[in-house]
Amino acid sequence: MADVLSQGEIDALLSAISTGEMDADELKKEDTERKIRSYDFKRALRFSKDQVRSLTRIHENFARLLTTHLSAQLRTFVQISVASVDQLPYDEFIRSVPRMTILNVFEPYPLEGRFVMEVNPNIAFAMMDRMLGGKGEAYNKVEDLTEIETKIMTQLFQRTLETFREAWLSVKELDPIMDDMEVNPQFLQLVSPNETVVVISLSTTIGESSGMINICLPHVVIESLLPLLSVHLWMQTKKKELQPIEIESLRRNIKQAPLDVVVELGHSEITIAEFLNLGANDIIELDQSIEESLLLRVGGEPKFKVQPGKLKNHVAVQVTDILEEEGNIDE
């Protein structure tokens, strides 16, 4: 809110202008200069604040899922959290990562294009050391990766993409597939240098090693998803109407569902002593008269009155009365 001048300050200002101590044109010039703000078209902000907040929420969930996944895989302490979410030109992102690092390139099908997950070598080698039975010590030998080490890392990071898919389910069902693993960022031409990308930086600790995992999402790749990243769309609850074929499928499946059907012949109460002294050919008298209908329970609930009998030499019952009309299944 702008400062409000008191009457004394207004009088002093008018007096200074009238006596020439202050130039009105200079005041206008200073006010105009304050309104001018430089804009760098190379750093065009193409993601709204709303969309950035949504991406932050998605990757906070991804960080939690990845923490659980890696803890189980590596059997050691793992802590991952979102450190920052920034949008910048792709060229600036490439220049910000180490000269030699682990770059996992994957295709987020059905989106067209590729994402990249940059993993600091300290983290990557600590993970591989644990996979090979070590203590999770960090050592940097990116330039000398063997074929076996490359295969192990590729499989490890391919499995982490399942948690990425799960984190994005609230927005879009993606099927990310590992496309390539690169160690030199200068050889990775994901998009044009001036293309805006959003970079999610994850602060990662594995055992005694720590570093950053950076996920680069080009604007051109996720552009089709941007309308889905608005908060008000997330808050909307849409009630899906069932199609006739779905209703028929539900009815058919419900009719095939098994139910426990029990016919009660009656009840009886005896003492503990009588129970302990029961022997062969003893008779227990029930409280049910042979002239009364029996109770048939469906799923533990009383539903029908029935009469016992036989059908083709099998014990059977015949329904004589319906106890609850509501809730019956159409026959």
C-alpha atoms as a PDB file:
ATOM      1  CA  MET A   1       0.000   0.000   0.000  1.00  0.00           C
ATOM      2  CA  ALA A   2       1.322   3.477  -0.918  1.00  0.00           C
ATOM      3  CA  ASP A   3       2.413   5.786   1.890  1.00  0.00           C
ATOM      4  CA  VAL A   4      -0.151   8.440   2.863  1.00  0.00           C
ATOM      5  CA  LEU A   5       1.274  11.949   3.359  1.00  0.00           C
ATOM      6  CA  SER A   6       0.145  14.042   6.258  1.00  0.00           C
ATOM      7  CA  GLN A   7      -1.138  17.573   5.673  1.00  0.00           C
ATOM      8  CA  GLY A   8       2.147  19.023   6.995  1.00  0.00           C
ATOM      9  CA  GLU A   9       4.181  16.913   4.537  1.00  0.00           C
ATOM     10  CA  ILE A  10       1.948  18.002   1.667  1.00  0.00           C
ATOM     11  CA  ASP A  11       2.421  21.688   2.582  1.00  0.00           C
ATOM     12  CA  ALA A  12       6.216  21.216   2.839  1.00  0.00           C
ATOM     13  CA  LEU A  13       6.315  19.534  -0.579  1.00  0.00           C
ATOM     14  CA  LEU A  14       4.280  22.279  -2.242  1.00  0.00           C
ATOM     15  CA  SER A  15       6.461  24.920  -0.617  1.00  0.00           C
ATOM     16  CA  ALA A  16       9.644  23.226  -1.895  1.00  0.00           C
ATOM     17  CA  ILE A  17       8.288  23.109  -5.440  1.00  0.00           C
ATOM     18  CA  SER A  18       7.137  26.755  -5.362  1.00  0.00           C
ATOM     19  CA  THR A  19      10.533  27.986  -4.086  1.00  0.00           C
ATOM     20  CA  GLY A  20      12.460  25.947  -6.660  1.00  0.00           C
ATOM     21  CA  GLU A  21      14.161  23.662  -4.137  1.00  0.00           C
ATOM     22  CA  MET A  22      12.529  20.683  -5.842  1.00  0.00           C
ATOM     23  CA  ASP A  23      11.795  20.245  -9.545  1.00  0.00           C
ATOM     24  CA  ALA A  24       8.402  18.741 -10.424  1.00  0.00           C
ATOM     25  CA  ASP A  25       9.807  17.391 -13.723  1.00  0.00           C
ATOM     26  CA  GLU A  26      12.500  15.504 -11.830  1.00  0.00           C
ATOM     27  CA  LEU A  27       9.846  13.933  -9.627  1.00  0.00           C
ATOM     28  CA  LYS A  28       7.897  12.777 -12.684  1.00  0.00           C
ATOM     29  CA  LYS A  29      11.088  11.379 -14.232  1.00  0.00           C
ATOM     30  CA  GLU A  30      11.969   9.406 -11.076  1.00  0.00           C
ATOM     31  CA  ASP A  31       8.425   8.021 -10.901  1.00  0.00           C
ATOM     32  CA  THR A  32       8.602   6.948 -14.548  1.00  0.00           C
ATOM     33  CA  GLU A  33      11.993   5.299 -14.043  1.00  0.00           C
ATOM     34  CA  ARG A  34      10.639   3.276 -11.155  1.00  0.00           C
ATOM     35  CA  LYS A  35       7.842   1.887 -13.363  1.00  0.00           C
ATOM     36  CA  ILE A  36      10.235   0.617 -16.064  1.00  0.00           C
ATOM     37  CA  ARG A  37      11.436  -2.932 -15.535  1.00  0.00           C
ATOM     38  CA  SER A  38      13.837  -4.774 -17.797  1.00  0.00           C
ATOM     39  CA  TYR A  39      12.637  -8.051 -19.341  1.00  0.00           C
ATOM     40  CA  ASP A  40      14.907 -10.752 -20.677  1.00  0.00           C
ATOM     41  CA  PHE A  41      13.164 -12.547 -23.540  1.00  0.00           C
ATOM     42  CA  LYS A  42      15.690 -15.374 -23.291  1.00  0.00           C
ATOM     43  CA  ARG A  43      14.276 -16.142 -19.830  1.00  0.00           C
ATOM     44  CA  ALA A  44      10.610 -16.067 -20.785  1.00  0.00           C
ATOM     45  CA  LEU A  45       8.443 -17.232 -17.883  1.00  0.00           C
ATOM     46  CA  ARG A  46       6.063 -19.651 -19.573  1.00  0.00           C
ATOM     47  CA  PHE A  47       4.805 -21.418 -16.451  1.00  0.00           C
ATOM     48  CA  SER A  48       2.345 -19.567 -14.242  1.00  0.00           C
ATOM     49  CA  LYS A  49       2.777 -19.488 -10.467  1.00  0.00           C
ATOM     50  CA  ASP A  50      -0.249 -21.749 -10.188  1.00  0.00           C
ATOM     51  CA  GLN A  51       1.352 -24.343 -12.473  1.00  0.00           C
ATOM     52  CA  VAL A  52       4.689 -24.128 -10.651  1.00  0.00           C
ATOM     53  CA  ARG A  53       2.902 -24.780  -7.342  1.00  0.00           C
ATOM     54  CA  SER A  54       1.179 -27.812  -8.852  1.00  0.00           C
ATOM     55  CA  LEU A  55       4.486 -29.161 -10.174  1.00  0.00           C
ATOM     56  CA  THR A  56       5.968 -28.646  -6.724  1.00  0.00           C
ATOM     57  CA  ARG A  57       3.186 -30.684  -5.118  1.00  0.00           C
ATOM     58  CA  ILE A  58       3.577 -33.481  -7.663  1.00  0.00           C
ATOM     59  CA  HIS A  59       7.307 -33.762  -7.083  1.00  0.00           C
ATOM     60  CA  GLU A  60       6.982 -33.505  -3.305  1.00  0.00           C
ATOM     61  CA  ASN A  61       4.898 -36.649  -3.625  1.00  0.00           C
ATOM     62  CA  PHE A  62       7.536 -38.091  -5.978  1.00  0.00           C
ATOM     63  CA  ALA A  63      10.254 -37.343  -3.400  1.00  0.00           C
ATOM     64  CA  ARG A  64       8.308 -39.206  -0.687  1.00  0.00           C
ATOM     65  CA  LEU A  65       7.685 -42.203  -2.944  1.00  0.00           C
ATOM     66  CA  LEU A  66      11.301 -42.253  -4.113  1.00  0.00           C
ATOM     67  CA  THR A  67      12.538 -42.123  -0.512  1.00  0.00           C
ATOM     68  CA  THR A  68      10.481 -45.205   0.342  1.00  0.00           C
ATOM     69  CA  HIS A  69      11.515 -47.029  -2.837  1.00  0.00           C
ATOM     70  CA  LEU A  70      15.246 -46.412  -2.464  1.00  0.00           C
ATOM     71  CA  SER A  71      15.212 -47.181   1.253  1.00  0.00           C
ATOM     72  CA  ALA A  72      13.823 -50.632   0.463  1.00  0.00           C
ATOM     73  CA  GLN A  73      16.180 -51.160  -2.480  1.00  0.00           C
ATOM     74  CA  LEU A  74      19.397 -49.961  -0.862  1.00  0.00           C
ATOM     75  CA  ARG A  75      18.719 -50.989   2.761  1.00  0.00           C
ATOM     76  CA  THR A  76      20.158 -47.750   4.107  1.00  0.00           C
ATOM     77  CA  PHE A  77      19.118 -44.283   5.260  1.00  0.00           C
ATOM     78  CA  VAL A  78      17.582 -42.252   2.420  1.00  0.00           C
ATOM     79  CA  GLN A  79      16.161 -38.733   2.634  1.00  0.00           C
ATOM     80  CA  ILE A  80      14.849 -36.868  -0.429  1.00  0.00           C
ATOM     81  CA  SER A  81      12.990 -33.540  -0.467  1.00  0.00           C
ATOM     82  CA  VAL A  82      12.197 -30.790  -2.959  1.00  0.00           C
ATOM     83  CA  ALA A  83      14.790 -28.015  -2.666  1.00  0.00           C
ATOM     84  CA  SER A  84      13.590 -25.681  -5.435  1.00  0.00           C
ATOM     85  CA  VAL A  85      11.476 -25.429  -8.580  1.00  0.00           C
ATOM     86  CA  ASP A  86      12.740 -22.972 -11.200  1.00  0.00           C
ATOM     87  CA  GLN A  87      12.067 -22.184 -14.829  1.00  0.00           C
ATOM     88  CA  LEU A  88      14.991 -21.199 -17.010  1.00  0.00           C
ATOM     89  CA  PRO A  89      16.371 -21.665 -20.552  1.00  0.00           C
ATOM     90  CA  TYR A  90      17.563 -25.162 -21.363  1.00  0.00           C
ATOM     91  CA  ASP A  91      21.037 -23.843 -22.166  1.00  0.00           C
ATOM     92  CA  GLU A  92      21.327 -22.377 -18.675  1.00  0.00           C
ATOM     93  CA  PHE A  93      20.300 -25.704 -17.136  1.00  0.00           C
ATOM     94  CA  ILE A  94      22.999 -27.567 -19.096  1.00  0.00           C
ATOM     95  CA  ARG A  95      25.652 -25.061 -18.000  1.00  0.00           C
ATOM     96  CA  SER A  96      24.586 -25.391 -14.359  1.00  0.00           C
ATOM     97  CA  VAL A  97      25.139 -29.162 -14.057  1.00  0.00           C
ATOM     98  CA  PRO A  98      28.626 -30.646 -13.473  1.00  0.00           C
ATOM     99  CA  ARG A  99      30.870 -31.230 -16.467  1.00  0.00           C
ATOM    100  CA  MET A 100      30.655 -34.988 -15.951  1.00  0.00           C
ATOM    101  CA  THR A 101      27.512 -36.338 -14.332  1.00  0.00           C
ATOM    102  CA  ILE A 102      24.811 -39.003 -14.685  1.00  0.00           C
ATOM    103  CA  LEU A 103      22.052 -37.958 -17.093  1.00  0.00           C
ATOM    104  CA  ASN A 104      19.104 -40.340 -17.381  1.00  0.00           C
ATOM    105  CA  VAL A 105      16.997 -39.549 -20.440  1.00  0.00           C
ATOM    106  CA  PHE A 106      13.500 -41.043 -20.560  1.00  0.00           C
ATOM    107  CA  GLU A 107      10.406 -40.784 -22.730  1.00  0.00           C
ATOM    108  CA  PRO A 108       7.167 -40.014 -20.824  1.00  0.00           C
ATOM    109  CA  TYR A 109       4.780 -41.851 -23.151  1.00  0.00           C
ATOM    110  CA  PRO A 110       2.181 -40.794 -24.384  1.00  0.00           C
ATOM    111  CA  LEU A 111       3.784 -37.318 -24.328  1.00  0.00           C
ATOM    112  CA  GLU A 112       6.016 -36.526 -27.280  1.00  0.00           C
ATOM    113  CA  GLY A 113       9.528 -35.592 -26.282  1.00  0.00           C
ATOM    114  CA  ARG A 114      11.953 -36.500 -23.504  1.00  0.00           C
ATOM    115  CA  PHE A 115      12.651 -35.620 -19.885  1.00  0.00           C
ATOM    116  CA  VAL A 116      16.032 -35.836 -18.184  1.00  0.00           C
ATOM    117  CA  MET A 117      16.920 -36.754 -14.618  1.00  0.00           C
ATOM    118  CA  GLU A 118      20.394 -35.512 -13.663  1.00  0.00           C
ATOM    119  CA  VAL A 119      21.884 -37.381 -10.704  1.00  0.00           C
ATOM    120  CA  ASN A 120      24.962 -36.080  -8.941  1.00  0.00           C
ATOM    121  CA  PRO A 121      27.815 -38.649  -9.207  1.00  0.00           C
ATOM    122  CA  ASN A 122      28.156 -38.745  -5.402  1.00  0.00           C
ATOM    123  CA  ILE A 123      24.584 -39.982  -5.150  1.00  0.00           C
ATOM    124  CA  ALA A 124      24.721 -42.275  -8.192  1.00  0.00           C
ATOM    125  CA  PHE A 125      27.885 -44.096  -7.099  1.00  0.00           C
ATOM    126  CA  ALA A 126      26.714 -44.374  -3.484  1.00  0.00           C
ATOM    127  CA  MET A 127      23.564 -46.091  -4.799  1.00  0.00           C
ATOM    128  CA  MET A 128      25.562 -48.446  -7.011  1.00  0.00           C
ATOM    129  CA  ASP A 129      27.992 -49.244  -4.180  1.00  0.00           C
ATOM    130  CA  ARG A 130      25.046 -50.312  -2.000  1.00  0.00           C
ATOM    131  CA  MET A 131      23.598 -52.413  -4.843  1.00  0.00           C
ATOM    132  CA  LEU A 132      26.945 -54.246  -5.089  1.00  0.00           C
ATOM    133  CA  GLY A 133      27.056 -54.950  -1.351  1.00  0.00           C
ATOM    134  CA  GLY A 134      29.206 -52.006  -0.225  1.00  0.00           C
ATOM    135  CA  LYS A 135      28.671 -49.455   2.521  1.00  0.00           C
ATOM    136  CA  GLY A 136      27.350 -46.800   0.131  1.00  0.00           C
ATOM    137  CA  GLU A 137      30.563 -44.817  -0.187  1.00  0.00           C
ATOM    138  CA  ALA A 138      30.666 -42.038  -2.778  1.00  0.00           C
ATOM    139  CA  TYR A 139      33.454 -42.083  -5.338  1.00  0.00           C
ATOM    140  CA  ASN A 140      33.560 -40.350  -8.699  1.00  0.00           C
ATOM    141  CA  LYS A 141      34.658 -42.292 -11.755  1.00  0.00           C
ATOM    142  CA  VAL A 142      32.112 -41.110 -14.323  1.00  0.00           C
ATOM    143  CA  GLU A 143      34.689 -41.102 -17.142  1.00  0.00           C
ATOM    144  CA  ASP A 144      35.568 -44.766 -16.506  1.00  0.00           C
ATOM    145  CA  LEU A 145      32.163 -46.423 -16.213  1.00  0.00           C
ATOM    146  CA  THR A 146      32.362 -50.089 -17.159  1.00  0.00           C
ATOM    147  CA  GLU A 147      29.672 -51.834 -19.166  1.00  0.00           C
ATOM    148  CA  ILE A 148      28.497 -53.713 -16.069  1.00  0.00           C
ATOM    149  CA  GLU A 149      28.293 -50.512 -13.988  1.00  0.00           C
ATOM    150  CA  THR A 150      26.379 -48.782 -16.778  1.00  0.00           C
ATOM    151  CA  LYS A 151      23.899 -51.674 -16.932  1.00  0.00           C
ATOM    152  CA  ILE A 152      23.391 -51.676 -13.152  1.00  0.00           C
ATOM    153  CA  MET A 153      22.783 -47.933 -13.055  1.00  0.00           C
ATOM    154  CA  THR A 154      20.395 -48.071 -16.014  1.00  0.00           C
ATOM    155  CA  GLN A 155      18.295 -50.777 -14.355  1.00  0.00           C
ATOM    156  CA  LEU A 156      18.338 -48.941 -11.018  1.00  0.00           C
ATOM    157  CA  PHE A 157      17.079 -45.670 -12.479  1.00  0.00           C
ATOM    158  CA  GLN A 158      14.588 -47.456 -14.722  1.00  0.00           C
ATOM    159  CA  ARG A 159      12.920 -48.823 -11.567  1.00  0.00           C
ATOM    160  CA  THR A 160      12.726 -45.337 -10.053  1.00  0.00           C
ATOM    161  CA  LEU A 161      10.560 -44.243 -13.000  1.00  0.00           C
ATOM    162  CA  GLU A 162       7.711 -46.321 -11.575  1.00  0.00           C
ATOM    163  CA  THR A 163       7.523 -43.889  -8.642  1.00  0.00           C
ATOM    164  CA  PHE A 164       7.590 -40.988 -11.143  1.00  0.00           C
ATOM    165  CA  ARG A 165       4.611 -42.527 -12.931  1.00  0.00           C
ATOM    166  CA  GLU A 166       2.759 -42.966  -9.626  1.00  0.00           C
ATOM    167  CA  ALA A 167       3.413 -39.344  -8.596  1.00  0.00           C
ATOM    168  CA  TRP A 168       1.870 -38.071 -11.854  1.00  0.00           C
ATOM    169  CA  LEU A 169      -1.250 -40.264 -11.710  1.00  0.00           C
ATOM    170  CA  SER A 170      -3.343 -37.429 -10.232  1.00  0.00           C
ATOM    171  CA  VAL A 171      -2.734 -35.401 -13.405  1.00  0.00           C
ATOM    172  CA  LYS A 172      -1.970 -37.829 -16.233  1.00  0.00           C
ATOM    173  CA  GLU A 173      -1.185 -41.513 -16.552  1.00  0.00           C
ATOM    174  CA  LEU A 174       2.336 -41.598 -17.970  1.00  0.00           C
ATOM    175  CA  ASP A 175       4.445 -44.588 -18.952  1.00  0.00           C
ATOM    176  CA  PRO A 176       8.050 -43.369 -18.654  1.00  0.00           C
ATOM    177  CA  ILE A 177      10.648 -45.570 -20.357  1.00  0.00           C
ATOM    178  CA  MET A 178      14.411 -45.174 -20.054  1.00  0.00           C
ATOM    179  CA  ASP A 179      15.801 -44.069 -23.409  1.00  0.00           C
ATOM    180  CA  ASP A 180      19.478 -43.380 -22.764  1.00  0.00           C
ATOM    181  CA  MET A 181      22.086 -42.647 -20.115  1.00  0.00           C
ATOM    182  CA  GLU A 182      24.665 -39.932 -20.830  1.00  0.00           C
ATOM    183  CA  VAL A 183      27.571 -38.593 -18.754  1.00  0.00           C
ATOM    184  CA  ASN A 184      28.494 -35.430 -20.660  1.00  0.00           C
ATOM    185  CA  PRO A 185      25.784 -32.730 -20.697  1.00  0.00           C
ATOM    186  CA  GLN A 186      27.314 -31.106 -23.775  1.00  0.00           C
ATOM    187  CA  PHE A 187      26.309 -34.161 -25.808  1.00  0.00           C
ATOM    188  CA  LEU A 188      22.694 -34.015 -24.653  1.00  0.00           C
ATOM    189  CA  GLN A 189      20.526 -31.919 -26.972  1.00  0.00           C
ATOM    190  CA  LEU A 190      17.089 -32.366 -25.464  1.00  0.00           C
ATOM    191  CA  VAL A 191      15.469 -29.197 -26.868  1.00  0.00           C
ATOM    192  CA  SER A 192      16.658 -25.916 -28.382  1.00  0.00           C
ATOM    193  CA  PRO A 193      18.976 -23.825 -26.125  1.00  0.00           C
ATOM    194  CA  ASN A 194      16.403 -21.049 -25.598  1.00  0.00           C
ATOM    195  CA  GLU A 195      13.500 -23.391 -24.837  1.00  0.00           C
ATOM    196  CA  THR A 196      12.049 -22.816 -21.363  1.00  0.00           C
ATOM    197  CA  VAL A 197      12.325 -25.761 -19.000  1.00  0.00           C
ATOM    198  CA  VAL A 198      11.221 -26.246 -15.423  1.00  0.00           C
ATOM    199  CA  VAL A 199      13.896 -27.770 -13.199  1.00  0.00           C
ATOM    200  CA  ILE A 200      12.898 -29.545  -9.990  1.00  0.00           C
ATOM    201  CA  SER A 201      15.885 -29.908  -7.654  1.00  0.00           C
ATOM    202  CA  LEU A 202      15.701 -32.692  -5.079  1.00  0.00           C
ATOM    203  CA  SER A 203      18.027 -32.545  -2.089  1.00  0.00           C
ATOM    204  CA  THR A 204      19.157 -36.142  -1.597  1.00  0.00           C
ATOM    205  CA  THR A 205      20.977 -37.946   1.202  1.00  0.00           C
ATOM    206  CA  ILE A 206      21.905 -41.625   0.920  1.00  0.00           C
ATOM    207  CA  GLY A 207      23.813 -42.970   3.889  1.00  0.00           C
ATOM    208  CA  GLU A 208      26.753 -40.614   4.417  1.00  0.00           C
ATOM    209  CA  SER A 209      26.595 -39.185   0.861  1.00  0.00           C
ATOM    210  CA  SER A 210      24.569 -36.186  -0.232  1.00  0.00           C
ATOM    211  CA  GLY A 211      23.924 -34.337  -3.463  1.00  0.00           C
ATOM    212  CA  MET A 212      21.217 -33.158  -5.836  1.00  0.00           C
ATOM    213  CA  ILE A 213      18.871 -34.882  -8.259  1.00  0.00           C
ATOM    214  CA  ASN A 214      17.577 -32.466 -10.913  1.00  0.00           C
ATOM    215  CA  ILE A 215      14.554 -33.270 -13.076  1.00  0.00           C
ATOM    216  CA  CYS A 216      14.295 -31.209 -16.261  1.00  0.00           C
ATOM    217  CA  LEU A 217      10.840 -30.900 -17.834  1.00  0.00           C
ATOM    218  CA  PRO A 218      10.796 -28.954 -21.136  1.00  0.00           C
ATOM    219  CA  HIS A 219       7.825 -26.663 -21.659  1.00  0.00           C
ATOM    220  CA  VAL A 220       7.266 -27.978 -25.180  1.00  0.00           C
ATOM    221  CA  VAL A 221       6.856 -31.537 -23.840  1.00  0.00           C
ATOM    222  CA  ILE A 222       4.382 -30.869 -21.008  1.00  0.00           C
ATOM    223  CA  GLU A 223       2.546 -28.021 -22.729  1.00  0.00           C
ATOM    224  CA  SER A 224      -0.522 -30.226 -23.292  1.00  0.00           C
ATOM    225  CA  LEU A 225      -0.686 -30.932 -19.532  1.00  0.00           C
ATOM    226  CA  LEU A 226      -0.532 -27.318 -18.363  1.00  0.00           C
ATOM    227  CA  PRO A 227      -4.349 -26.845 -18.272  1.00  0.00           C
ATOM    228  CA  LEU A 228      -4.484 -29.840 -15.905  1.00  0.00           C
ATOM    229  CA  LEU A 229      -2.043 -28.224 -13.467  1.00  0.00           C
ATOM    230  CA  SER A 230      -4.352 -25.439 -12.306  1.00  0.00           C
ATOM    231  CA  VAL A 231      -5.411 -25.669  -8.664  1.00  0.00           C
ATOM    232  CA  HIS A 232      -9.105 -25.036  -9.278  1.00  0.00           C
ATOM    233  CA  LEU A 233      -9.211 -27.991 -11.678  1.00  0.00           C
ATOM    234  CA  TRP A 234      -7.674 -30.221  -8.974  1.00  0.00           C
ATOM    235  CA  MET A 235     -10.355 -29.091  -6.526  1.00  0.00           C
ATOM    236  CA  GLN A 236     -13.228 -29.933  -8.854  1.00  0.00           C
ATOM    237  CA  THR A 237     -14.914 -33.234  -8.194  1.00  0.00           C
ATOM    238  CA  LYS A 238     -16.415 -34.664 -11.327  1.00  0.00           C
ATOM    239  CA  LYS A 239     -19.000 -37.378 -10.967  1.00  0.00           C
ATOM    240  CA  LYS A 240     -18.525 -39.923 -13.691  1.00  0.00           C
ATOM    241  CA  GLU A 241     -21.716 -41.283 -15.207  1.00  0.00           C
ATOM    242  CA  LEU A 242     -21.683 -45.015 -15.784  1.00  0.00           C
ATOM    243  CA  GLN A 243     -22.252 -46.243 -19.302  1.00  0.00           C
ATOM    244  CA  PRO A 244     -24.947 -48.895 -19.926  1.00  0.00           C
ATOM    245  CA  ILE A 245     -22.301 -51.527 -20.669  1.00  0.00           C
ATOM    246  CA  GLU A 246     -20.599 -50.730 -17.319  1.00  0.00           C
ATOM    247  CA  ILE A 247     -23.899 -51.005 -15.445  1.00  0.00           C
ATOM    248  CA  GLU A 248     -24.592 -54.374 -17.050  1.00  0.00           C
ATOM    249  CA  SER A 249     -21.082 -55.571 -16.190  1.00  0.00           C
ATOM    250  CA  LEU A 250     -21.546 -54.534 -12.539  1.00  0.00           C
ATOM    251  CA  ARG A 251     -24.937 -56.267 -12.358  1.00  0.00           C
ATOM    252  CA  ARG A 252     -23.491 -59.439 -13.875  1.00  0.00           C
ATOM    253  CA  ASN A 253     -20.533 -59.468 -11.475  1.00  0.00           C
ATOM    254  CA  ILE A 254     -22.763 -58.831  -8.450  1.00  0.00           C
ATOM    255  CA  LYS A 255     -25.021 -61.728  -9.422  1.00  0.00           C
ATOM    256  CA  GLN A 256     -21.973 -64.011  -9.525  1.00  0.00           C
ATOM    257  CA  ALA A 257     -20.682 -62.901  -6.115  1.00  0.00           C
ATOM    258  CA  PRO A 258     -20.786 -65.737  -3.511  1.00  0.00           C
ATOM    259  CA  LEU A 259     -23.000 -65.352  -0.447  1.00  0.00           C
ATOM    260  CA  ASP A 260     -23.195 -67.323   2.789  1.00  0.00           C
ATOM    261  CA  VAL A 261     -26.711 -68.756   3.132  1.00  0.00           C
ATOM    262  CA  VAL A 262     -27.475 -70.322   6.528  1.00  0.00           C
ATOM    263  CA  VAL A 263     -30.692 -71.911   7.741  1.00  0.00           C
ATOM    264  CA  GLU A 264     -31.133 -71.883  11.514  1.00  0.00           C
ATOM    265  CA  LEU A 265     -32.820 -74.983  12.901  1.00  0.00           C
ATOM    266  CA  GLY A 266     -33.171 -73.308  16.280  1.00  0.00           C
ATOM    267  CA  HIS A 267     -31.303 -72.397  19.437  1.00  0.00           C
ATOM    268  CA  SER A 268     -30.684 -74.011  22.779  1.00  0.00           C
ATOM    269  CA  GLU A 269     -29.143 -72.992  26.087  1.00  0.00           C
ATOM    270  CA  ILE A 270     -27.346 -75.493  28.309  1.00  0.00           C
ATOM    271  CA  THR A 271     -25.033 -75.192  31.276  1.00  0.00           C
ATOM    272  CA  ILE A 272     -21.303 -75.790  31.220  1.00  0.00           C
ATOM    273  CA  ALA A 273     -21.799 -78.901  33.291  1.00  0.00           C
ATOM    274  CA  GLU A 274     -24.356 -80.272  30.809  1.00  0.00           C
ATOM    275  CA  PHE A 275     -22.002 -79.481  27.934  1.00  0.00           C
ATOM    276  CA  LEU A 276     -19.081 -81.280  29.602  1.00  0.00           C
ATOM    277  CA  ASN A 277     -21.246 -84.356  30.249  1.00  0.00           C
ATOM    278  CA  LEU A 278     -22.550 -84.690  26.680  1.00  0.00           C
ATOM    279  CA  GLY A 279     -22.143 -88.165  25.232  1.00  0.00           C
ATOM    280  CA  ALA A 280     -23.159 -90.285  22.293  1.00  0.00           C
ATOM    281  CA  ASN A 281     -26.940 -90.497  21.596  1.00  0.00           C
ATOM    282  CA  ASP A 282     -27.679 -87.521  23.892  1.00  0.00           C
ATOM    283  CA  ILE A 283     -30.398 -85.186  22.594  1.00  0.00           C
ATOM    284  CA  ILE A 284     -30.314 -81.380  22.760  1.00  0.00           C
ATOM    285  CA  GLU A 285     -33.736 -79.788  22.715  1.00  0.00           C
ATOM    286  CA  LEU A 286     -34.082 -76.679  20.501  1.00  0.00           C
ATOM    287  CA  ASP A 287     -36.475 -73.774  21.095  1.00  0.00           C
ATOM    288  CA  GLN A 288     -37.862 -74.191  17.543  1.00  0.00           C
ATOM    289  CA  SER A 289     -41.197 -75.933  17.066  1.00  0.00           C
ATOM    290  CA  ILE A 290     -41.436 -78.316  14.087  1.00  0.00           C
ATOM    291  CA  GLU A 291     -44.625 -76.488  13.069  1.00  0.00           C
ATOM    292  CA  GLU A 292     -42.851 -73.115  12.757  1.00  0.00           C
ATOM    293  CA  SER A 293     -40.908 -71.901   9.715  1.00  0.00           C
ATOM    294  CA  LEU A 294     -37.132 -71.782   9.920  1.00  0.00           C
ATOM    295  CA  LEU A 295     -35.074 -68.585   9.565  1.00  0.00           C
ATOM    296  CA  LEU A 296     -32.758 -68.245   6.552  1.00  0.00           C
ATOM    297  CA  ARG A 297     -29.902 -65.749   6.842  1.00  0.00           C
ATOM    298  CA  VAL A 298     -28.081 -64.282   3.815  1.00  0.00           C
ATOM    299  CA  GLY A 299     -24.672 -62.835   4.635  1.00  0.00           C
ATOM    300  CA  GLY A 300     -25.608 -62.959   8.337  1.00  0.00           C
ATOM    301  CA  GLU A 301     -28.798 -60.924   7.834  1.00  0.00           C
ATOM    302  CA  PRO A 302     -32.293 -62.474   8.298  1.00  0.00           C
ATOM    303  CA  LYS A 303     -34.022 -62.492   4.901  1.00  0.00           C
ATOM    304  CA  PHE A 304     -36.515 -65.339   4.509  1.00  0.00           C
ATOM    305  CA  LYS A 305     -38.781 -67.763   6.334  1.00  0.00           C
ATOM    306  CA  VAL A 306     -38.361 -71.273   4.930  1.00  0.00           C
ATOM    307  CA  GLN A 307     -39.767 -74.792   5.269  1.00  0.00           C
ATOM    308  CA  PRO A 308     -37.357 -77.764   5.342  1.00  0.00           C
ATOM    309  CA  GLY A 309     -37.754 -80.696   2.976  1.00  0.00           C
ATOM    310  CA  LYS A 310     -36.034 -82.845   0.325  1.00  0.00           C
ATOM    311  CA  LEU A 311     -35.294 -82.317  -3.353  1.00  0.00           C
ATOM    312  CA  LYS A 312     -33.855 -85.244  -5.389  1.00  0.00           C
ATOM    313  CA  ASN A 313     -32.602 -86.960  -2.224  1.00  0.00           C
ATOM    314  CA  HIS A 314     -30.911 -83.736  -1.034  1.00  0.00           C
ATOM    315  CA  VAL A 315     -31.837 -81.686   2.018  1.00  0.00           C
ATOM    316  CA  ALA A 316     -33.482 -78.466   0.813  1.00  0.00           C
ATOM    317  CA  VAL A 317     -35.657 -75.582   1.986  1.00  0.00           C
ATOM    318  CA  GLN A 318     -38.602 -73.818   0.407  1.00  0.00           C
ATOM    319  CA  VAL A 319     -39.061 -70.059   0.855  1.00  0.00           C
ATOM    320  CA  THR A 320     -42.437 -69.330   2.414  1.00  0.00           C
ATOM    321  CA  ASP A 321     -42.094 -65.673   3.383  1.00  0.00           C
ATOM    322  CA  ILE A 322     -39.839 -62.657   2.713  1.00  0.00           C
ATOM    323  CA  LEU A 323     -38.770 -60.731   5.810  1.00  0.00           C
ATOM    324  CA  GLU A 324     -37.311 -57.670   4.109  1.00  0.00           C
ATOM    325  CA  GLU A 325     -38.718 -56.582   0.797  1.00  0.00           C
ATOM    326  CA  GLU A 326     -36.080 -53.847   0.353  1.00  0.00           C
ATOM    327  CA  GLY A 327     -32.660 -54.916  -0.819  1.00  0.00           C
ATOM    328  CA  ASN A 328     -33.837 -57.999  -2.701  1.00  0.00           C
ATOM    329  CA  ILE A 329     -31.912 -58.939  -5.805  1.00  0.00           C
ATOM    330  CA  ASP A 330     -33.996 -59.180  -8.955  1.00  0.00           C
ATOM    331  CA  GLU A 331     -34.347 -62.794 -10.001  1.00  0.00           C
END
